[in-house]
PDB file of N, CA and C in Angstrom:
ATOM      1  N   MET A   1     -17.804  27.764  13.474  1.00  0.00           N
ATOM      2  CA  MET A   1     -16.531  27.029  13.409  1.00  0.00           C
ATOM      3  C   MET A   1     -16.038  27.098  11.961  1.00  0.00           C
ATOM      4  N   THR A   2     -14.812  27.507  11.792  1.00  0.00           N
ATOM      5  CA  THR A   2     -14.173  27.548  10.467  1.00  0.00           C
ATOM      6  C   THR A   2     -13.169  26.467  10.368  1.00  0.00           C
ATOM      7  N   ILE A   3     -13.112  25.913   9.163  1.00  0.00           N
ATOM      8  CA  ILE A   3     -12.151  24.873   8.865  1.00  0.00           C
ATOM      9  C   ILE A   3     -11.042  25.458   8.013  1.00  0.00           C
ATOM     10  N   LYS A   4      -9.815  25.315   8.509  1.00  0.00           N
ATOM     11  CA  LYS A   4      -8.696  25.847   7.769  1.00  0.00           C
ATOM     12  C   LYS A   4      -8.242  24.850   6.686  1.00  0.00           C
ATOM     13  N   PRO A   5      -7.991  25.281   5.488  1.00  0.00           N
ATOM     14  CA  PRO A   5      -7.552  24.324   4.478  1.00  0.00           C
ATOM     15  C   PRO A   5      -6.176  23.785   4.810  1.00  0.00           C
ATOM     16  N   VAL A   6      -5.940  22.506   4.516  1.00  0.00           N
ATOM     17  CA  VAL A   6      -4.681  21.861   4.804  1.00  0.00           C
ATOM     18  C   VAL A   6      -3.727  22.094   3.672  1.00  0.00           C
ATOM     19  N   LYS A   7      -2.571  22.612   3.949  1.00  0.00           N
ATOM     20  CA  LYS A   7      -1.561  22.784   2.922  1.00  0.00           C
ATOM     21  C   LYS A   7      -0.765  21.455   2.872  1.00  0.00           C
ATOM     22  N   LEU A   8      -0.755  20.810   1.716  1.00  0.00           N
ATOM     23  CA  LEU A   8      -0.140  19.511   1.592  1.00  0.00           C
ATOM     24  C   LEU A   8       1.231  19.681   0.923  1.00  0.00           C
ATOM     25  N   ASP A   9       2.268  19.246   1.650  1.00  0.00           N
ATOM     26  CA  ASP A   9       3.621  19.255   1.068  1.00  0.00           C
ATOM     27  C   ASP A   9       3.756  18.068   0.094  1.00  0.00           C
ATOM     28  N   ILE A  10       3.498  18.386  -1.164  1.00  0.00           N
ATOM     29  CA  ILE A  10       3.528  17.307  -2.177  1.00  0.00           C
ATOM     30  C   ILE A  10       4.929  16.924  -2.537  1.00  0.00           C
ATOM     31  N   GLU A  11       5.856  17.840  -2.544  1.00  0.00           N
ATOM     32  CA  GLU A  11       7.232  17.524  -2.879  1.00  0.00           C
ATOM     33  C   GLU A  11       8.174  17.834  -1.776  1.00  0.00           C
ATOM     34  N   LYS A  12       9.095  16.979  -1.598  1.00  0.00           N
ATOM     35  CA  LYS A  12      10.183  17.168  -0.613  1.00  0.00           C
ATOM     36  C   LYS A  12      11.476  16.716  -1.225  1.00  0.00           C
ATOM     37  N   ASN A  13      12.403  17.631  -1.301  1.00  0.00           N
ATOM     38  CA  ASN A  13      13.725  17.337  -1.943  1.00  0.00           C
ATOM     39  C   ASN A  13      13.570  16.864  -3.381  1.00  0.00           C
ATOM     40  N   GLY A  14      12.566  17.407  -4.106  1.00  0.00           N
ATOM     41  CA  GLY A  14      12.371  17.066  -5.505  1.00  0.00           C
ATOM     42  C   GLY A  14      11.660  15.730  -5.726  1.00  0.00           C
ATOM     43  N   GLU A  15      11.358  14.999  -4.680  1.00  0.00           N
ATOM     44  CA  GLU A  15      10.657  13.723  -4.784  1.00  0.00           C
ATOM     45  C   GLU A  15       9.172  13.918  -4.459  1.00  0.00           C
ATOM     46  N   VAL A  16       8.311  13.321  -5.227  1.00  0.00           N
ATOM     47  CA  VAL A  16       6.907  13.435  -4.916  1.00  0.00           C
ATOM     48  C   VAL A  16       6.599  12.461  -3.741  1.00  0.00           C
ATOM     49  N   GLN A  17       6.026  13.039  -2.682  1.00  0.00           N
ATOM     50  CA  GLN A  17       5.743  12.270  -1.507  1.00  0.00           C
ATOM     51  C   GLN A  17       4.293  11.726  -1.578  1.00  0.00           C
ATOM     52  N   VAL A  18       3.330  12.625  -1.647  1.00  0.00           N
ATOM     53  CA  VAL A  18       1.936  12.193  -1.706  1.00  0.00           C
ATOM     54  C   VAL A  18       1.268  13.028  -2.838  1.00  0.00           C
ATOM     55  N   ASP A  19       0.735  12.313  -3.800  1.00  0.00           N
ATOM     56  CA  ASP A  19       0.201  12.969  -4.965  1.00  0.00           C
ATOM     57  C   ASP A  19      -1.221  13.506  -4.850  1.00  0.00           C
ATOM     58  N   SER A  20      -1.968  13.057  -3.842  1.00  0.00           N
ATOM     59  CA  SER A  20      -3.349  13.575  -3.664  1.00  0.00           C
ATOM     60  C   SER A  20      -3.782  13.471  -2.247  1.00  0.00           C
ATOM     61  N   ILE A  21      -4.760  14.243  -1.879  1.00  0.00           N
ATOM     62  CA  ILE A  21      -5.271  14.233  -0.504  1.00  0.00           C
ATOM     63  C   ILE A  21      -5.910  12.913  -0.216  1.00  0.00           C
ATOM     64  N   TYR A  22      -6.439  12.251  -1.175  1.00  0.00           N
ATOM     65  CA  TYR A  22      -7.099  10.951  -0.983  1.00  0.00           C
ATOM     66  C   TYR A  22      -6.042   9.869  -0.614  1.00  0.00           C
ATOM     67  N   ARG A  23      -4.882   9.902  -1.304  1.00  0.00           N
ATOM     68  CA  ARG A  23      -3.832   8.966  -0.929  1.00  0.00           C
ATOM     69  C   ARG A  23      -3.268   9.288   0.428  1.00  0.00           C
ATOM     70  N   LEU A  24      -3.237  10.545   0.784  1.00  0.00           N
ATOM     71  CA  LEU A  24      -2.810  10.937   2.134  1.00  0.00           C
ATOM     72  C   LEU A  24      -3.688  10.336   3.185  1.00  0.00           C
ATOM     73  N   ILE A  25      -5.008  10.359   2.947  1.00  0.00           N
ATOM     74  CA  ILE A  25      -5.965   9.766   3.904  1.00  0.00           C
ATOM     75  C   ILE A  25      -5.784   8.275   4.041  1.00  0.00           C
ATOM     76  N   ILE A  26      -5.559   7.607   2.905  1.00  0.00           N
ATOM     77  CA  ILE A  26      -5.374   6.139   2.921  1.00  0.00           C
ATOM     78  C   ILE A  26      -4.089   5.819   3.660  1.00  0.00           C
ATOM     79  N   LEU A  27      -3.008   6.539   3.403  1.00  0.00           N
ATOM     80  CA  LEU A  27      -1.728   6.287   4.067  1.00  0.00           C
ATOM     81  C   LEU A  27      -1.815   6.572   5.560  1.00  0.00           C
ATOM     82  N   ALA A  28      -2.466   7.661   5.895  1.00  0.00           N
ATOM     83  CA  ALA A  28      -2.612   7.997   7.359  1.00  0.00           C
ATOM     84  C   ALA A  28      -3.434   6.888   8.058  1.00  0.00           C
ATOM     85  N   GLY A  29      -4.433   6.389   7.410  1.00  0.00           N
ATOM     86  CA  GLY A  29      -5.233   5.302   7.984  1.00  0.00           C
ATOM     87  C   GLY A  29      -4.451   4.031   8.222  1.00  0.00           C
ATOM     88  N   LEU A  30      -3.643   3.689   7.238  1.00  0.00           N
ATOM     89  CA  LEU A  30      -2.803   2.494   7.316  1.00  0.00           C
ATOM     90  C   LEU A  30      -1.754   2.674   8.439  1.00  0.00           C
ATOM     91  N   ARG A  31      -1.139   3.840   8.483  1.00  0.00           N
ATOM     92  CA  ARG A  31      -0.144   4.067   9.484  1.00  0.00           C
ATOM     93  C   ARG A  31      -0.751   4.140  10.886  1.00  0.00           C
ATOM     94  N   SER A  32      -1.922   4.703  10.973  1.00  0.00           N
ATOM     95  CA  SER A  32      -2.627   4.765  12.241  1.00  0.00           C
ATOM     96  C   SER A  32      -2.958   3.375  12.788  1.00  0.00           C
ATOM     97  N   LYS A  33      -3.301   2.475  11.889  1.00  0.00           N
ATOM     98  CA  LYS A  33      -3.575   1.083  12.304  1.00  0.00           C
ATOM     99  C   LYS A  33      -2.279   0.409  12.823  1.00  0.00           C
ATOM    100  N   GLN A  34      -1.144   0.715  12.183  1.00  0.00           N
ATOM    101  CA  GLN A  34       0.105   0.175  12.661  1.00  0.00           C
ATOM    102  C   GLN A  34       0.423   0.708  14.065  1.00  0.00           C
ATOM    103  N   LEU A  35       0.198   1.974  14.295  1.00  0.00           N
ATOM    104  CA  LEU A  35       0.440   2.557  15.627  1.00  0.00           C
ATOM    105  C   LEU A  35      -0.492   1.941  16.651  1.00  0.00           C
ATOM    106  N   LEU A  36      -1.719   1.699  16.254  1.00  0.00           N
ATOM    107  CA  LEU A  36      -2.691   1.071  17.154  1.00  0.00           C
ATOM    108  C   LEU A  36      -2.256  -0.345  17.559  1.00  0.00           C
ATOM    109  N   ARG A  37      -1.578  -1.025  16.618  1.00  0.00           N
ATOM    110  CA  ARG A  37      -1.137  -2.424  16.873  1.00  0.00           C
ATOM    111  C   ARG A  37       0.216  -2.471  17.578  1.00  0.00           C
ATOM    112  N   GLY A  38       0.791  -1.293  17.942  1.00  0.00           N
ATOM    113  CA  GLY A  38       1.995  -1.315  18.780  1.00  0.00           C
ATOM    114  C   GLY A  38       3.251  -0.819  18.076  1.00  0.00           C
ATOM    115  N   SER A  39       3.143  -0.327  16.868  1.00  0.00           N
ATOM    116  CA  SER A  39       4.339   0.218  16.183  1.00  0.00           C
ATOM    117  C   SER A  39       4.831   1.455  16.908  1.00  0.00           C
ATOM    118  N   THR A  40       6.154   1.645  16.877  1.00  0.00           N
ATOM    119  CA  THR A  40       6.740   2.800  17.574  1.00  0.00           C
ATOM    120  C   THR A  40       6.607   4.069  16.678  1.00  0.00           C
ATOM    121  N   PRO A  41       6.095   5.158  17.230  1.00  0.00           N
ATOM    122  CA  PRO A  41       6.012   6.396  16.451  1.00  0.00           C
ATOM    123  C   PRO A  41       7.373   6.901  16.056  1.00  0.00           C
ATOM    124  N   ARG A  42       7.459   7.515  14.847  1.00  0.00           N
ATOM    125  CA  ARG A  42       8.725   8.033  14.378  1.00  0.00           C
ATOM    126  C   ARG A  42       8.953   9.513  14.738  1.00  0.00           C
ATOM    127  N   ILE A  43       8.002  10.038  15.464  1.00  0.00           N
ATOM    128  CA  ILE A  43       8.148  11.415  15.973  1.00  0.00           C
ATOM    129  C   ILE A  43       7.964  11.332  17.483  1.00  0.00           C
ATOM    130  N   LYS A  44       8.483  12.365  18.150  1.00  0.00           N
ATOM    131  CA  LYS A  44       8.292  12.373  19.580  1.00  0.00           C
ATOM    132  C   LYS A  44       6.853  12.815  19.874  1.00  0.00           C
ATOM    133  N   ALA A  45       6.075  11.930  20.481  1.00  0.00           N
ATOM    134  CA  ALA A  45       4.673  12.214  20.725  1.00  0.00           C
ATOM    135  C   ALA A  45       4.245  11.571  22.044  1.00  0.00           C
ATOM    136  N   ASP A  46       3.521  12.325  22.806  1.00  0.00           N
ATOM    137  CA  ASP A  46       2.937  11.816  24.074  1.00  0.00           C
ATOM    138  C   ASP A  46       1.612  11.135  23.704  1.00  0.00           C
ATOM    139  N   PRO A  47       1.542   9.789  23.880  1.00  0.00           N
ATOM    140  CA  PRO A  47       0.326   9.089  23.494  1.00  0.00           C
ATOM    141  C   PRO A  47      -0.896   9.552  24.266  1.00  0.00           C
ATOM    142  N   LEU A  48      -0.746  10.149  25.416  1.00  0.00           N
ATOM    143  CA  LEU A  48      -1.890  10.619  26.198  1.00  0.00           C
ATOM    144  C   LEU A  48      -2.425  11.930  25.653  1.00  0.00           C
ATOM    145  N   LYS A  49      -1.635  12.673  24.885  1.00  0.00           N
ATOM    146  CA  LYS A  49      -2.048  13.967  24.374  1.00  0.00           C
ATOM    147  C   LYS A  49      -2.319  13.972  22.867  1.00  0.00           C
ATOM    148  N   ARG A  50      -1.738  12.958  22.140  1.00  0.00           N
ATOM    149  CA  ARG A  50      -1.935  12.923  20.701  1.00  0.00           C
ATOM    150  C   ARG A  50      -2.510  11.560  20.271  1.00  0.00           C
ATOM    151  N   LYS A  51      -3.440  11.618  19.355  1.00  0.00           N
ATOM    152  CA  LYS A  51      -4.051  10.410  18.864  1.00  0.00           C
ATOM    153  C   LYS A  51      -3.217   9.805  17.764  1.00  0.00           C
ATOM    154  N   ASN A  52      -3.419   8.539  17.490  1.00  0.00           N
ATOM    155  CA  ASN A  52      -2.644   7.844  16.396  1.00  0.00           C
ATOM    156  C   ASN A  52      -2.809   8.515  15.045  1.00  0.00           C
ATOM    157  N   THR A  53      -4.013   9.037  14.774  1.00  0.00           N
ATOM    158  CA  THR A  53      -4.259   9.653  13.483  1.00  0.00           C
ATOM    159  C   THR A  53      -3.405  10.890  13.306  1.00  0.00           C
ATOM    160  N   SER A  54      -3.309  11.736  14.340  1.00  0.00           N
ATOM    161  CA  SER A  54      -2.529  12.986  14.233  1.00  0.00           C
ATOM    162  C   SER A  54      -1.047  12.633  14.179  1.00  0.00           C
ATOM    163  N   ILE A  55      -0.618  11.592  14.852  1.00  0.00           N
ATOM    164  CA  ILE A  55       0.784  11.145  14.765  1.00  0.00           C
ATOM    165  C   ILE A  55       1.108  10.680  13.360  1.00  0.00           C
ATOM    166  N   ALA A  56       0.187   9.883  12.793  1.00  0.00           N
ATOM    167  CA  ALA A  56       0.386   9.358  11.432  1.00  0.00           C
ATOM    168  C   ALA A  56       0.469  10.506  10.412  1.00  0.00           C
ATOM    169  N   LEU A  57      -0.430  11.500  10.519  1.00  0.00           N
ATOM    170  CA  LEU A  57      -0.415  12.615   9.594  1.00  0.00           C
ATOM    171  C   LEU A  57       0.896  13.417   9.732  1.00  0.00           C
ATOM    172  N   GLU A  58       1.363  13.619  10.940  1.00  0.00           N
ATOM    173  CA  GLU A  58       2.595  14.355  11.115  1.00  0.00           C
ATOM    174  C   GLU A  58       3.800  13.575  10.543  1.00  0.00           C
ATOM    175  N   GLU A  59       3.821  12.275  10.721  1.00  0.00           N
ATOM    176  CA  GLU A  59       4.883  11.439  10.153  1.00  0.00           C
ATOM    177  C   GLU A  59       4.860  11.556   8.605  1.00  0.00           C
ATOM    178  N   LEU A  60       3.700  11.528   8.031  1.00  0.00           N
ATOM    179  CA  LEU A  60       3.579  11.677   6.603  1.00  0.00           C
ATOM    180  C   LEU A  60       4.041  13.047   6.130  1.00  0.00           C
ATOM    181  N   ARG A  61       3.601  14.046   6.905  1.00  0.00           N
ATOM    182  CA  ARG A  61       3.994  15.425   6.511  1.00  0.00           C
ATOM    183  C   ARG A  61       5.523  15.629   6.527  1.00  0.00           C
ATOM    184  N   GLN A  62       6.149  14.975   7.491  1.00  0.00           N
ATOM    185  CA  GLN A  62       7.644  15.087   7.603  1.00  0.00           C
ATOM    186  C   GLN A  62       8.370  14.121   6.637  1.00  0.00           C
ATOM    187  N   GLY A  63       7.612  13.283   5.945  1.00  0.00           N
ATOM    188  CA  GLY A  63       8.261  12.363   5.047  1.00  0.00           C
ATOM    189  C   GLY A  63       8.958  11.190   5.723  1.00  0.00           C
ATOM    190  N   LEU A  64       8.483  10.800   6.901  1.00  0.00           N
ATOM    191  CA  LEU A  64       9.093   9.724   7.682  1.00  0.00           C
ATOM    192  C   LEU A  64       8.538   8.347   7.339  1.00  0.00           C
ATOM    193  N   VAL A  65       7.488   8.271   6.554  1.00  0.00           N
ATOM    194  CA  VAL A  65       6.836   7.032   6.218  1.00  0.00           C
ATOM    195  C   VAL A  65       7.071   6.769   4.741  1.00  0.00           C
ATOM    196  N   SER A  66       7.681   5.625   4.439  1.00  0.00           N
ATOM    197  CA  SER A  66       7.904   5.261   3.020  1.00  0.00           C
ATOM    198  C   SER A  66       6.798   4.354   2.574  1.00  0.00           C
ATOM    199  N   PHE A  67       6.448   4.510   1.299  1.00  0.00           N
ATOM    200  CA  PHE A  67       5.373   3.666   0.726  1.00  0.00           C
ATOM    201  C   PHE A  67       5.589   3.529  -0.756  1.00  0.00           C
ATOM    202  N   THR A  68       4.968   2.522  -1.373  1.00  0.00           N
ATOM    203  CA  THR A  68       5.020   2.355  -2.775  1.00  0.00           C
ATOM    204  C   THR A  68       3.608   2.315  -3.321  1.00  0.00           C
ATOM    205  N   VAL A  69       3.483   2.692  -4.581  1.00  0.00           N
ATOM    206  CA  VAL A  69       2.202   2.645  -5.240  1.00  0.00           C
ATOM    207  C   VAL A  69       2.292   1.640  -6.380  1.00  0.00           C
ATOM    208  N   ASN A  70       1.366   0.686  -6.380  1.00  0.00           N
ATOM    209  CA  ASN A  70       1.463  -0.282  -7.482  1.00  0.00           C
ATOM    210  C   ASN A  70       0.920   0.284  -8.783  1.00  0.00           C
ATOM    211  N   GLY A  71       0.949  -0.476  -9.872  1.00  0.00           N
ATOM    212  CA  GLY A  71       0.602   0.027 -11.177  1.00  0.00           C
ATOM    213  C   GLY A  71      -0.852   0.576 -11.297  1.00  0.00           C
ATOM    214  N   LYS A  72      -1.752   0.036 -10.442  1.00  0.00           N
ATOM    215  CA  LYS A  72      -3.109   0.499 -10.520  1.00  0.00           C
ATOM    216  C   LYS A  72      -3.403   1.692  -9.602  1.00  0.00           C
ATOM    217  N   GLY A  73      -2.397   2.238  -8.962  1.00  0.00           N
ATOM    218  CA  GLY A  73      -2.568   3.398  -8.120  1.00  0.00           C
ATOM    219  C   GLY A  73      -2.879   3.078  -6.691  1.00  0.00           C
ATOM    220  N   ALA A  74      -2.957   1.815  -6.329  1.00  0.00           N
ATOM    221  CA  ALA A  74      -3.292   1.451  -4.957  1.00  0.00           C
ATOM    222  C   ALA A  74      -2.005   1.468  -4.129  1.00  0.00           C
ATOM    223  N   VAL A  75      -2.115   1.795  -2.898  1.00  0.00           N
ATOM    224  CA  VAL A  75      -0.969   1.808  -1.978  1.00  0.00           C
ATOM    225  C   VAL A  75      -0.734   0.396  -1.520  1.00  0.00           C
ATOM    226  N   ALA A  76       0.513  -0.023  -1.553  1.00  0.00           N
ATOM    227  CA  ALA A  76       0.863  -1.328  -1.045  1.00  0.00           C
ATOM    228  C   ALA A  76       1.088  -1.225   0.465  1.00  0.00           C
ATOM    229  N   GLU A  77       0.193  -1.767   1.244  1.00  0.00           N
ATOM    230  CA  GLU A  77       0.193  -1.636   2.690  1.00  0.00           C
ATOM    231  C   GLU A  77       1.448  -2.212   3.304  1.00  0.00           C
ATOM    232  N   GLU A  78       1.941  -3.315   2.761  1.00  0.00           N
ATOM    233  CA  GLU A  78       3.111  -3.951   3.408  1.00  0.00           C
ATOM    234  C   GLU A  78       4.401  -3.136   3.262  1.00  0.00           C
ATOM    235  N   ARG A  79       4.373  -2.171   2.375  1.00  0.00           N
ATOM    236  CA  ARG A  79       5.537  -1.348   2.141  1.00  0.00           C
ATOM    237  C   ARG A  79       5.685  -0.213   3.173  1.00  0.00           C
ATOM    238  N   ILE A  80       4.600   0.026   3.913  1.00  0.00           N
ATOM    239  CA  ILE A  80       4.704   1.038   4.968  1.00  0.00           C
ATOM    240  C   ILE A  80       5.389   0.387   6.115  1.00  0.00           C
ATOM    241  N   THR A  81       6.639   0.714   6.321  1.00  0.00           N
ATOM    242  CA  THR A  81       7.421   0.042   7.355  1.00  0.00           C
ATOM    243  C   THR A  81       7.249   0.684   8.683  1.00  0.00           C
ATOM    244  N   SER A  82       7.285  -0.130   9.733  1.00  0.00           N
ATOM    245  CA  SER A  82       7.082   0.432  11.093  1.00  0.00           C
ATOM    246  C   SER A  82       8.390   0.623  11.821  1.00  0.00           C
TER     247      SER A  82
END
């Protein structure tokens, strides 16, 4: 089994979206929890065929999830809007 490297779209329209793969994981986890709690997906996705984690990653890849980073580099969870 080979694992393909993930190409991360760091910039979109000149704005930095996600600055590291670690922040991407944190954001995807937070968004996945929101989806689990009943938030509406921002992409067209069949919940029987796609899991919340893959939906969250696709939303982040497309730049559909807004977030802020506080001064210490931590992601402010409440800023990820559903």
